[in-house]
């Protein structure tokens, strides 16, 4: 005899929630203004050290704001090959580094047997804004023939998840989430739902 279905909406929601797989964080990685690994970032946060500093990459004298939270002392070559570093925007370098740190922190081994069950969901508000700016300047200075053929793959948001999949040799779902200030939260939520499924 089939069990009687729950008779209230809250009881139905509770039953659905009980049947979902639990998802837990098993590894962490970070590239940020307060540190480029979890220990450094956490120590700086606990020590009250700010990641805010002067913008030095370009002349900001005409702007009201001349400071920002920038990633500093990061070497992309520690995480990707030189060819990939040249072809991609720093936001991709940061994503690959954080993903590799998280896999290492989790102690997770990627194998032929499990690689198609591992995916990457990454969020970014804008993507490769530095590459976009550089290529627009190149277009205006030298014309369309001087725009890099890697312009689009170096700067579009979904390429960070793609490069993580390539670098880690994973074959599960990979895509990116863009939803302004809630991007990171939505990426975590989408990843959670994929794991549950």
N, C-alpha and C. Protein backbone atom coordinates (compact mmCIF):
# COMPACT_ATOMS: atom_id res chain seq x y z
N UNK A 1 0.87 -1.18 0.00
CA UNK A 1 0.00 0.00 0.00
C UNK A 1 0.90 1.23 0.00
N UNK A 2 0.71 2.13 -0.96
CA UNK A 2 1.54 3.33 -0.99
C UNK A 2 1.33 4.18 0.25
N UNK A 3 2.41 4.82 0.70
CA UNK A 3 2.29 5.70 1.86
C UNK A 3 1.44 6.90 1.48
N UNK A 4 0.71 7.40 2.48
CA UNK A 4 -0.13 8.58 2.26
C UNK A 4 0.78 9.79 2.08
N UNK A 5 0.58 10.59 1.00
CA UNK A 5 1.43 11.76 0.81
C UNK A 5 1.21 12.78 1.92
N UNK A 6 2.21 13.57 2.24
CA UNK A 6 2.06 14.58 3.28
C UNK A 6 0.92 15.53 2.90
N UNK A 7 0.15 15.95 3.90
CA UNK A 7 -1.03 16.75 3.60
C UNK A 7 -0.82 18.26 3.71
N UNK A 8 0.33 18.70 4.07
CA UNK A 8 0.55 20.15 4.13
C UNK A 8 1.76 20.53 3.28
N UNK A 9 1.78 21.76 2.75
CA UNK A 9 2.93 22.19 1.94
C UNK A 9 4.24 22.13 2.72
N UNK A 10 4.23 22.49 4.00
CA UNK A 10 5.48 22.46 4.76
C UNK A 10 5.96 21.03 4.97
N UNK A 11 5.04 20.08 5.17
CA UNK A 11 5.42 18.67 5.32
C UNK A 11 6.01 18.14 4.01
N UNK A 12 5.44 18.56 2.89
CA UNK A 12 5.98 18.13 1.59
C UNK A 12 7.38 18.69 1.38
N UNK A 13 7.59 19.97 1.74
CA UNK A 13 8.93 20.58 1.60
C UNK A 13 9.93 19.85 2.48
N UNK A 14 9.53 19.49 3.71
CA UNK A 14 10.43 18.77 4.61
C UNK A 14 10.79 17.40 4.05
N UNK A 15 9.83 16.71 3.46
CA UNK A 15 10.08 15.40 2.88
C UNK A 15 11.06 15.52 1.71
N UNK A 16 10.87 16.52 0.86
CA UNK A 16 11.78 16.74 -0.27
C UNK A 16 13.18 17.05 0.25
N UNK A 17 13.27 17.91 1.26
CA UNK A 17 14.58 18.30 1.82
C UNK A 17 15.29 17.09 2.42
N UNK A 18 14.55 16.19 3.07
CA UNK A 18 15.17 15.01 3.69
C UNK A 18 15.72 14.06 2.63
N UNK A 19 15.10 14.03 1.44
CA UNK A 19 15.53 13.12 0.39
C UNK A 19 16.67 13.66 -0.46
N UNK A 20 17.04 14.92 -0.29
CA UNK A 20 18.15 15.48 -1.05
C UNK A 20 19.48 15.01 -0.48
N UNK A 21 20.45 14.86 -1.36
CA UNK A 21 21.80 14.51 -0.89
C UNK A 21 22.41 15.71 -0.20
N UNK A 22 23.11 15.44 0.88
CA UNK A 22 23.83 16.52 1.57
C UNK A 22 25.06 16.87 0.76
N UNK A 23 25.40 18.14 0.75
CA UNK A 23 26.59 18.62 0.05
C UNK A 23 27.45 19.35 1.07
N UNK A 24 28.73 19.03 1.10
CA UNK A 24 29.64 19.67 2.04
C UNK A 24 30.86 20.21 1.30
N UNK A 25 31.46 21.25 1.85
CA UNK A 25 32.69 21.79 1.31
C UNK A 25 33.84 20.95 1.85
N UNK A 26 34.67 20.43 0.95
CA UNK A 26 35.77 19.57 1.38
C UNK A 26 37.14 20.19 1.10
N UNK A 27 37.19 21.23 0.29
CA UNK A 27 38.47 21.87 -0.02
C UNK A 27 38.27 23.33 -0.33
N UNK A 28 39.25 24.13 0.01
CA UNK A 28 39.18 25.58 -0.20
C UNK A 28 40.35 26.06 -1.04
N UNK A 29 40.11 27.11 -1.80
CA UNK A 29 41.16 27.79 -2.54
C UNK A 29 40.77 29.25 -2.67
N UNK A 30 41.75 30.14 -2.73
CA UNK A 30 41.43 31.57 -2.81
C UNK A 30 42.58 32.34 -3.47
N UNK A 31 42.20 33.30 -4.27
CA UNK A 31 43.11 34.33 -4.78
C UNK A 31 42.36 35.63 -4.53
N UNK A 32 42.92 36.50 -3.70
CA UNK A 32 42.17 37.68 -3.28
C UNK A 32 43.10 38.82 -2.88
N UNK A 33 42.54 40.00 -2.67
CA UNK A 33 43.36 41.12 -2.21
C UNK A 33 44.02 40.90 -0.84
N UNK A 34 43.48 39.99 -0.04
CA UNK A 34 44.08 39.75 1.28
C UNK A 34 45.01 38.55 1.31
N UNK A 35 45.14 37.84 0.20
CA UNK A 35 46.05 36.71 0.15
C UNK A 35 45.74 35.78 -0.99
N UNK A 36 46.75 35.09 -1.47
CA UNK A 36 46.59 34.21 -2.62
C UNK A 36 46.58 32.73 -2.27
N UNK A 37 46.35 32.45 -1.01
CA UNK A 37 46.09 31.09 -0.55
C UNK A 37 45.28 31.22 0.74
N UNK A 38 44.63 30.15 1.15
CA UNK A 38 43.70 30.21 2.28
C UNK A 38 44.39 30.64 3.57
N UNK A 39 45.54 30.07 3.87
CA UNK A 39 46.21 30.41 5.12
C UNK A 39 46.58 31.89 5.19
N UNK A 40 47.19 32.40 4.12
CA UNK A 40 47.59 33.81 4.10
C UNK A 40 46.37 34.72 4.22
N UNK A 41 45.34 34.43 3.44
CA UNK A 41 44.14 35.26 3.47
C UNK A 41 43.50 35.25 4.87
N UNK A 42 43.38 34.06 5.46
CA UNK A 42 42.76 33.96 6.78
C UNK A 42 43.60 34.67 7.84
N UNK A 43 44.92 34.48 7.81
CA UNK A 43 45.80 35.16 8.76
C UNK A 43 45.69 36.68 8.62
N UNK A 44 45.63 37.17 7.39
CA UNK A 44 45.50 38.62 7.17
C UNK A 44 44.16 39.15 7.65
N UNK A 45 43.10 38.39 7.42
CA UNK A 45 41.78 38.80 7.91
C UNK A 45 41.78 38.86 9.43
N UNK A 46 42.26 37.80 10.08
CA UNK A 46 42.30 37.78 11.54
C UNK A 46 43.22 38.87 12.10
N UNK A 47 44.28 39.19 11.35
CA UNK A 47 45.21 40.23 11.79
C UNK A 47 44.77 41.64 11.45
N UNK A 48 43.61 41.77 10.82
CA UNK A 48 43.10 43.10 10.48
C UNK A 48 43.85 43.77 9.34
N UNK A 49 44.56 42.98 8.52
CA UNK A 49 45.32 43.54 7.41
C UNK A 49 44.39 43.75 6.22
N UNK A 50 44.39 44.95 5.69
CA UNK A 50 43.53 45.30 4.56
C UNK A 50 44.17 44.89 3.24
N UNK A 51 43.34 44.56 2.28
CA UNK A 51 43.81 44.28 0.93
C UNK A 51 43.64 45.48 0.02
N UNK A 52 43.21 46.61 0.58
CA UNK A 52 42.99 47.82 -0.20
C UNK A 52 44.31 48.58 -0.34
N UNK A 53 44.58 49.07 -1.55
CA UNK A 53 45.81 49.84 -1.76
C UNK A 53 45.70 50.68 -3.02
N UNK A 54 46.75 51.45 -3.31
CA UNK A 54 46.71 52.32 -4.49
C UNK A 54 46.67 51.53 -5.80
N UNK A 55 45.96 52.07 -6.76
CA UNK A 55 45.94 51.50 -8.10
C UNK A 55 47.20 51.98 -8.81
N UNK A 56 48.02 51.04 -9.26
CA UNK A 56 49.31 51.40 -9.85
C UNK A 56 49.46 50.94 -11.30
N UNK A 57 48.50 50.17 -11.80
CA UNK A 57 48.62 49.61 -13.15
C UNK A 57 48.51 50.70 -14.22
N UNK A 58 47.72 51.73 -13.96
CA UNK A 58 47.54 52.81 -14.93
C UNK A 58 47.34 54.12 -14.17
N UNK A 59 47.40 55.21 -14.90
CA UNK A 59 47.29 56.55 -14.31
C UNK A 59 45.85 56.80 -13.87
N UNK A 60 45.66 57.02 -12.58
CA UNK A 60 44.33 57.28 -12.04
C UNK A 60 44.18 58.71 -11.51
N UNK A 61 45.12 59.57 -11.86
CA UNK A 61 45.11 60.93 -11.31
C UNK A 61 43.85 61.71 -11.67
N UNK A 62 43.20 61.39 -12.77
CA UNK A 62 41.98 62.12 -13.17
C UNK A 62 40.73 61.57 -12.48
N UNK A 63 40.87 60.50 -11.74
CA UNK A 63 39.71 59.86 -11.10
C UNK A 63 39.61 60.26 -9.63
N UNK A 64 38.39 60.25 -9.13
CA UNK A 64 38.17 60.54 -7.72
C UNK A 64 38.72 59.41 -6.84
N UNK A 65 38.48 58.19 -7.26
CA UNK A 65 38.96 57.03 -6.50
C UNK A 65 40.27 56.55 -7.10
N UNK A 66 41.26 56.39 -6.24
CA UNK A 66 42.59 56.00 -6.71
C UNK A 66 43.11 54.75 -5.98
N UNK A 67 42.20 54.04 -5.34
CA UNK A 67 42.58 52.84 -4.59
C UNK A 67 41.55 51.74 -4.84
N UNK A 68 41.96 50.51 -4.61
CA UNK A 68 41.05 49.37 -4.85
C UNK A 68 41.60 48.14 -4.12
N UNK A 69 40.78 47.11 -4.06
CA UNK A 69 41.21 45.82 -3.55
C UNK A 69 41.72 45.00 -4.73
N UNK A 70 43.02 44.99 -4.92
CA UNK A 70 43.64 44.32 -6.06
C UNK A 70 44.41 43.08 -5.62
N UNK A 71 44.44 42.08 -6.48
CA UNK A 71 45.27 40.91 -6.23
C UNK A 71 46.71 41.33 -6.50
N UNK A 72 47.58 41.06 -5.55
CA UNK A 72 49.00 41.44 -5.69
C UNK A 72 49.88 40.20 -5.46
N UNK A 73 51.09 40.27 -5.95
CA UNK A 73 52.09 39.21 -5.75
C UNK A 73 51.57 37.84 -6.18
N UNK A 74 50.88 37.82 -7.30
CA UNK A 74 50.35 36.57 -7.85
C UNK A 74 51.15 36.23 -9.10
N UNK A 75 51.61 35.00 -9.20
CA UNK A 75 52.36 34.54 -10.36
C UNK A 75 51.56 33.46 -11.08
N UNK A 76 50.95 33.82 -12.19
CA UNK A 76 50.12 32.88 -12.94
C UNK A 76 50.90 31.66 -13.40
N UNK A 77 52.20 31.83 -13.65
CA UNK A 77 53.03 30.72 -14.12
C UNK A 77 53.16 29.60 -13.08
N UNK A 78 52.81 29.89 -11.83
CA UNK A 78 52.80 28.85 -10.80
C UNK A 78 51.62 27.89 -10.99
N UNK A 79 50.64 28.30 -11.80
CA UNK A 79 49.39 27.54 -11.90
C UNK A 79 49.05 27.07 -13.31
N UNK A 80 49.61 27.74 -14.32
CA UNK A 80 49.30 27.42 -15.71
C UNK A 80 50.58 27.50 -16.54
N UNK A 81 50.57 26.83 -17.69
CA UNK A 81 51.72 26.91 -18.59
C UNK A 81 51.85 28.29 -19.21
N UNK A 82 53.06 28.65 -19.68
CA UNK A 82 53.29 30.00 -20.21
C UNK A 82 52.42 30.34 -21.41
N UNK A 83 52.14 29.37 -22.26
CA UNK A 83 51.28 29.62 -23.43
C UNK A 83 49.87 29.98 -23.00
N UNK A 84 49.32 29.25 -22.03
CA UNK A 84 47.97 29.52 -21.54
C UNK A 84 47.92 30.87 -20.80
N UNK A 85 48.97 31.18 -20.07
CA UNK A 85 49.02 32.46 -19.35
C UNK A 85 48.96 33.61 -20.34
N UNK A 86 49.72 33.50 -21.44
CA UNK A 86 49.75 34.58 -22.44
C UNK A 86 48.40 34.74 -23.12
N UNK A 87 47.68 33.65 -23.32
CA UNK A 87 46.42 33.68 -24.09
C UNK A 87 45.21 34.05 -23.25
N UNK A 88 45.34 34.18 -21.94
CA UNK A 88 44.15 34.35 -21.10
C UNK A 88 44.27 35.54 -20.16
N UNK A 89 43.13 36.02 -19.74
CA UNK A 89 43.03 37.15 -18.82
C UNK A 89 43.34 36.71 -17.38
N UNK A 90 43.81 37.63 -16.55
CA UNK A 90 44.09 37.28 -15.15
C UNK A 90 42.91 36.65 -14.40
N UNK A 91 41.67 36.99 -14.73
CA UNK A 91 40.57 36.38 -13.99
C UNK A 91 40.54 34.86 -14.20
N UNK A 92 41.00 34.40 -15.35
CA UNK A 92 41.10 32.96 -15.60
C UNK A 92 42.24 32.38 -14.78
N UNK A 93 43.36 33.09 -14.71
CA UNK A 93 44.49 32.63 -13.89
C UNK A 93 44.05 32.45 -12.44
N UNK A 94 43.31 33.43 -11.92
CA UNK A 94 42.86 33.37 -10.52
C UNK A 94 41.93 32.18 -10.30
N UNK A 95 41.01 31.96 -11.22
CA UNK A 95 40.07 30.84 -11.07
C UNK A 95 40.76 29.50 -11.10
N UNK A 96 41.70 29.34 -12.02
CA UNK A 96 42.45 28.07 -12.11
C UNK A 96 43.25 27.85 -10.83
N UNK A 97 43.92 28.89 -10.35
CA UNK A 97 44.72 28.76 -9.12
C UNK A 97 43.83 28.37 -7.94
N UNK A 98 42.70 29.05 -7.76
CA UNK A 98 41.81 28.74 -6.64
C UNK A 98 41.25 27.32 -6.74
N UNK A 99 40.90 26.88 -7.96
CA UNK A 99 40.38 25.53 -8.15
C UNK A 99 41.44 24.48 -7.83
N UNK A 100 42.66 24.71 -8.30
CA UNK A 100 43.73 23.74 -8.02
C UNK A 100 44.03 23.68 -6.52
N UNK A 101 44.00 24.84 -5.86
CA UNK A 101 44.20 24.85 -4.41
C UNK A 101 43.11 24.05 -3.71
N UNK A 102 41.85 24.23 -4.14
CA UNK A 102 40.72 23.54 -3.50
C UNK A 102 40.81 22.03 -3.68
N UNK A 103 41.19 21.59 -4.88
CA UNK A 103 41.34 20.14 -5.12
C UNK A 103 42.44 19.57 -4.23
N UNK A 104 43.57 20.29 -4.14
CA UNK A 104 44.67 19.84 -3.29
C UNK A 104 44.25 19.83 -1.82
N UNK A 105 43.58 20.91 -1.39
CA UNK A 105 43.14 21.01 0.00
C UNK A 105 42.19 19.87 0.36
N UNK A 106 41.35 19.47 -0.58
CA UNK A 106 40.40 18.39 -0.34
C UNK A 106 41.09 17.02 -0.33
N UNK A 107 42.31 16.96 -0.85
CA UNK A 107 42.99 15.68 -0.96
C UNK A 107 42.33 14.79 -1.99
N UNK A 108 41.71 15.41 -2.98
CA UNK A 108 40.93 14.68 -3.97
C UNK A 108 41.80 14.29 -5.15
N UNK A 109 41.74 13.03 -5.55
CA UNK A 109 42.49 12.56 -6.71
C UNK A 109 41.55 12.41 -7.89
N UNK A 110 41.89 13.06 -8.98
CA UNK A 110 41.10 12.96 -10.20
C UNK A 110 41.66 11.81 -11.03
N UNK A 111 40.76 10.87 -11.38
CA UNK A 111 41.17 9.67 -12.12
C UNK A 111 40.30 9.51 -13.37
N UNK A 112 40.67 8.55 -14.22
CA UNK A 112 39.85 8.25 -15.40
C UNK A 112 38.45 7.81 -14.98
N UNK A 113 38.35 7.15 -13.83
CA UNK A 113 37.06 6.62 -13.38
C UNK A 113 36.13 7.72 -12.86
N UNK A 114 36.68 8.80 -12.30
CA UNK A 114 35.78 9.80 -11.69
C UNK A 114 35.74 11.14 -12.41
N UNK A 115 36.57 11.35 -13.44
CA UNK A 115 36.68 12.68 -14.04
C UNK A 115 35.38 13.19 -14.66
N UNK A 116 34.51 12.28 -15.13
CA UNK A 116 33.25 12.76 -15.72
C UNK A 116 32.19 13.07 -14.66
N UNK A 117 32.51 12.82 -13.40
CA UNK A 117 31.60 13.17 -12.30
C UNK A 117 32.07 14.43 -11.56
N UNK A 118 33.09 15.08 -12.12
CA UNK A 118 33.63 16.30 -11.51
C UNK A 118 33.43 17.44 -12.50
N UNK A 119 32.87 18.54 -12.02
CA UNK A 119 32.62 19.68 -12.89
C UNK A 119 33.10 20.97 -12.28
N UNK A 120 32.90 22.05 -13.01
CA UNK A 120 33.30 23.38 -12.55
C UNK A 120 32.18 24.36 -12.84
N UNK A 121 31.70 25.01 -11.80
CA UNK A 121 30.75 26.11 -11.95
C UNK A 121 31.42 27.32 -11.32
N UNK A 122 31.64 28.36 -12.11
CA UNK A 122 32.38 29.53 -11.65
C UNK A 122 31.58 30.77 -11.98
N UNK A 123 31.62 31.74 -11.08
CA UNK A 123 30.94 32.99 -11.33
C UNK A 123 31.91 34.14 -11.49
N UNK A 124 31.53 35.10 -12.31
CA UNK A 124 32.30 36.34 -12.48
C UNK A 124 31.33 37.42 -12.92
N UNK A 125 31.49 38.59 -12.34
CA UNK A 125 30.58 39.68 -12.70
C UNK A 125 30.83 40.22 -14.09
N UNK A 126 32.09 40.29 -14.51
CA UNK A 126 32.41 40.90 -15.80
C UNK A 126 33.29 39.99 -16.65
N UNK A 127 34.19 39.28 -16.05
CA UNK A 127 35.11 38.47 -16.83
C UNK A 127 36.41 39.21 -17.06
N UNK A 128 36.96 39.09 -18.26
CA UNK A 128 38.29 39.63 -18.56
C UNK A 128 38.28 41.09 -18.94
N UNK A 129 37.91 41.95 -18.02
CA UNK A 129 37.80 43.38 -18.32
C UNK A 129 39.14 43.97 -18.77
N UNK A 130 40.24 43.53 -18.19
CA UNK A 130 41.55 44.04 -18.61
C UNK A 130 41.84 43.71 -20.06
N UNK A 131 41.55 42.48 -20.47
CA UNK A 131 41.75 42.08 -21.86
C UNK A 131 40.83 42.86 -22.78
N UNK A 132 39.59 43.05 -22.37
CA UNK A 132 38.64 43.82 -23.18
C UNK A 132 39.16 45.24 -23.39
N UNK A 133 39.61 45.88 -22.31
CA UNK A 133 40.16 47.24 -22.41
C UNK A 133 41.36 47.28 -23.33
N UNK A 134 42.29 46.34 -23.18
CA UNK A 134 43.50 46.32 -24.00
C UNK A 134 43.18 46.14 -25.47
N UNK A 135 42.26 45.25 -25.78
CA UNK A 135 41.94 44.99 -27.19
C UNK A 135 41.16 46.13 -27.83
N UNK A 136 40.31 46.81 -27.07
CA UNK A 136 39.63 48.00 -27.61
C UNK A 136 40.65 49.08 -27.91
N UNK A 137 41.61 49.29 -27.02
CA UNK A 137 42.67 50.27 -27.26
C UNK A 137 43.48 49.89 -28.50
N UNK A 138 43.80 48.60 -28.65
CA UNK A 138 44.54 48.13 -29.82
C UNK A 138 43.76 48.36 -31.10
N UNK A 139 42.46 48.11 -31.05
CA UNK A 139 41.58 48.33 -32.21
C UNK A 139 41.65 49.80 -32.65
N UNK A 140 41.51 50.72 -31.69
CA UNK A 140 41.53 52.14 -32.02
C UNK A 140 42.90 52.62 -32.48
N UNK A 141 43.94 52.03 -31.93
CA UNK A 141 45.30 52.45 -32.27
C UNK A 141 45.75 51.90 -33.62
N UNK A 142 45.50 50.60 -33.88
CA UNK A 142 46.10 49.95 -35.04
C UNK A 142 45.12 49.29 -36.00
N UNK A 143 43.84 49.29 -35.68
CA UNK A 143 42.85 48.70 -36.57
C UNK A 143 42.51 47.25 -36.22
N UNK A 144 41.48 46.72 -36.86
CA UNK A 144 40.96 45.39 -36.50
C UNK A 144 41.93 44.25 -36.74
N UNK A 145 42.87 44.39 -37.67
CA UNK A 145 43.80 43.30 -37.93
C UNK A 145 44.78 43.08 -36.79
N UNK A 146 44.90 44.04 -35.90
CA UNK A 146 45.83 43.93 -34.77
C UNK A 146 45.15 43.42 -33.49
N UNK A 147 43.84 43.21 -33.55
CA UNK A 147 43.14 42.64 -32.39
C UNK A 147 43.50 41.16 -32.29
N UNK A 148 43.83 40.71 -31.10
CA UNK A 148 44.28 39.34 -30.89
C UNK A 148 43.20 38.33 -31.28
N UNK A 149 43.59 37.25 -31.95
CA UNK A 149 42.61 36.19 -32.24
C UNK A 149 42.14 35.49 -30.96
N UNK A 150 42.87 35.70 -29.87
CA UNK A 150 42.48 35.10 -28.59
C UNK A 150 41.60 36.02 -27.76
N UNK A 151 41.21 37.16 -28.33
CA UNK A 151 40.43 38.16 -27.58
C UNK A 151 39.21 37.55 -26.89
N UNK A 152 38.36 36.89 -27.65
CA UNK A 152 37.13 36.35 -27.05
C UNK A 152 37.42 35.22 -26.07
N UNK A 153 38.20 34.18 -26.44
CA UNK A 153 38.44 33.12 -25.45
C UNK A 153 39.24 33.58 -24.24
N UNK A 154 39.95 34.69 -24.37
CA UNK A 154 40.73 35.19 -23.23
C UNK A 154 39.87 35.96 -22.24
N UNK A 155 38.69 36.39 -22.67
CA UNK A 155 37.95 37.34 -21.83
C UNK A 155 36.53 36.93 -21.45
N UNK A 156 35.91 35.99 -22.16
CA UNK A 156 34.51 35.68 -21.84
C UNK A 156 34.43 34.85 -20.56
N UNK A 157 33.36 35.06 -19.83
CA UNK A 157 33.23 34.53 -18.48
C UNK A 157 33.27 33.01 -18.42
N UNK A 158 32.65 32.33 -19.37
CA UNK A 158 32.59 30.87 -19.28
C UNK A 158 33.95 30.20 -19.49
N UNK A 159 34.95 30.95 -19.97
CA UNK A 159 36.26 30.33 -20.21
C UNK A 159 36.99 29.98 -18.92
N UNK A 160 36.66 30.63 -17.81
CA UNK A 160 37.32 30.25 -16.56
C UNK A 160 36.93 28.82 -16.17
N UNK A 161 35.66 28.48 -16.29
CA UNK A 161 35.24 27.10 -16.00
C UNK A 161 35.84 26.14 -17.03
N UNK A 162 35.91 26.58 -18.28
CA UNK A 162 36.52 25.76 -19.33
C UNK A 162 37.98 25.47 -19.06
N UNK A 163 38.74 26.52 -18.69
CA UNK A 163 40.16 26.31 -18.40
C UNK A 163 40.37 25.46 -17.15
N UNK A 164 39.51 25.62 -16.15
CA UNK A 164 39.62 24.75 -14.97
C UNK A 164 39.42 23.30 -15.39
N UNK A 165 38.44 23.05 -16.25
CA UNK A 165 38.20 21.69 -16.72
C UNK A 165 39.39 21.16 -17.51
N UNK A 166 39.97 22.01 -18.35
CA UNK A 166 41.14 21.59 -19.14
C UNK A 166 42.33 21.30 -18.23
N UNK A 167 42.62 22.26 -17.34
CA UNK A 167 43.80 22.13 -16.47
C UNK A 167 43.69 20.93 -15.53
N UNK A 168 42.49 20.67 -15.00
CA UNK A 168 42.30 19.57 -14.06
C UNK A 168 41.94 18.25 -14.76
N UNK A 169 41.70 18.34 -16.07
CA UNK A 169 41.30 17.17 -16.86
C UNK A 169 40.01 16.56 -16.33
N UNK A 170 39.04 17.43 -16.04
CA UNK A 170 37.73 16.96 -15.59
C UNK A 170 36.74 17.06 -16.75
N UNK A 171 35.75 16.20 -16.75
CA UNK A 171 34.85 16.10 -17.89
C UNK A 171 33.38 16.24 -17.52
N UNK A 172 33.08 16.68 -16.29
CA UNK A 172 31.69 16.89 -15.89
C UNK A 172 31.20 18.24 -16.38
N UNK A 173 30.05 18.68 -15.89
CA UNK A 173 29.49 19.96 -16.33
C UNK A 173 30.47 21.10 -16.08
N UNK A 174 30.53 22.04 -17.01
CA UNK A 174 31.30 23.26 -16.75
C UNK A 174 30.60 24.43 -17.40
N UNK A 175 30.30 25.40 -16.58
CA UNK A 175 29.71 26.65 -17.08
C UNK A 175 29.84 27.72 -16.04
N UNK A 176 29.45 28.92 -16.42
CA UNK A 176 29.63 30.06 -15.53
C UNK A 176 28.31 30.74 -15.24
N UNK A 177 28.28 31.41 -14.10
CA UNK A 177 27.10 32.10 -13.61
C UNK A 177 27.42 33.59 -13.56
N UNK A 178 26.50 34.41 -14.02
CA UNK A 178 26.67 35.86 -13.95
C UNK A 178 25.39 36.46 -13.39
N UNK A 179 25.45 37.00 -12.20
CA UNK A 179 24.27 37.63 -11.62
C UNK A 179 24.68 38.76 -10.66
N UNK A 180 25.54 39.64 -11.15
CA UNK A 180 26.00 40.83 -10.41
C UNK A 180 26.54 40.44 -9.04
N UNK A 181 26.06 41.09 -7.99
CA UNK A 181 26.64 40.91 -6.65
C UNK A 181 26.32 39.55 -6.02
N UNK A 182 25.38 38.82 -6.59
CA UNK A 182 25.05 37.51 -6.03
C UNK A 182 25.70 36.37 -6.81
N UNK A 183 26.61 36.71 -7.72
CA UNK A 183 27.23 35.71 -8.59
C UNK A 183 27.85 34.56 -7.80
N UNK A 184 28.67 34.85 -6.81
CA UNK A 184 29.35 33.77 -6.06
C UNK A 184 28.33 32.87 -5.36
N UNK A 185 27.33 33.48 -4.75
CA UNK A 185 26.30 32.69 -4.06
C UNK A 185 25.54 31.82 -5.04
N UNK A 186 25.19 32.38 -6.20
CA UNK A 186 24.48 31.59 -7.20
C UNK A 186 25.36 30.46 -7.74
N UNK A 187 26.65 30.70 -7.94
CA UNK A 187 27.54 29.65 -8.42
C UNK A 187 27.60 28.50 -7.42
N UNK A 188 27.68 28.83 -6.13
CA UNK A 188 27.67 27.79 -5.10
C UNK A 188 26.35 27.03 -5.12
N UNK A 189 25.24 27.75 -5.27
CA UNK A 189 23.93 27.11 -5.31
C UNK A 189 23.77 26.18 -6.51
N UNK A 190 24.21 26.63 -7.68
CA UNK A 190 24.11 25.80 -8.88
C UNK A 190 25.01 24.56 -8.73
N UNK A 191 26.22 24.76 -8.22
CA UNK A 191 27.11 23.61 -7.99
C UNK A 191 26.51 22.61 -7.02
N UNK A 192 25.88 23.12 -5.97
CA UNK A 192 25.23 22.25 -4.99
C UNK A 192 24.14 21.41 -5.65
N UNK A 193 23.31 22.07 -6.47
CA UNK A 193 22.22 21.34 -7.13
C UNK A 193 22.75 20.29 -8.12
N UNK A 194 23.86 20.61 -8.79
CA UNK A 194 24.44 19.62 -9.70
C UNK A 194 24.95 18.40 -8.92
N UNK A 195 25.57 18.65 -7.78
CA UNK A 195 26.06 17.53 -6.96
C UNK A 195 24.89 16.70 -6.46
N UNK A 196 23.83 17.37 -6.01
CA UNK A 196 22.66 16.65 -5.52
C UNK A 196 22.02 15.80 -6.62
N UNK A 197 22.09 16.28 -7.85
CA UNK A 197 21.47 15.56 -8.96
C UNK A 197 22.33 14.38 -9.42
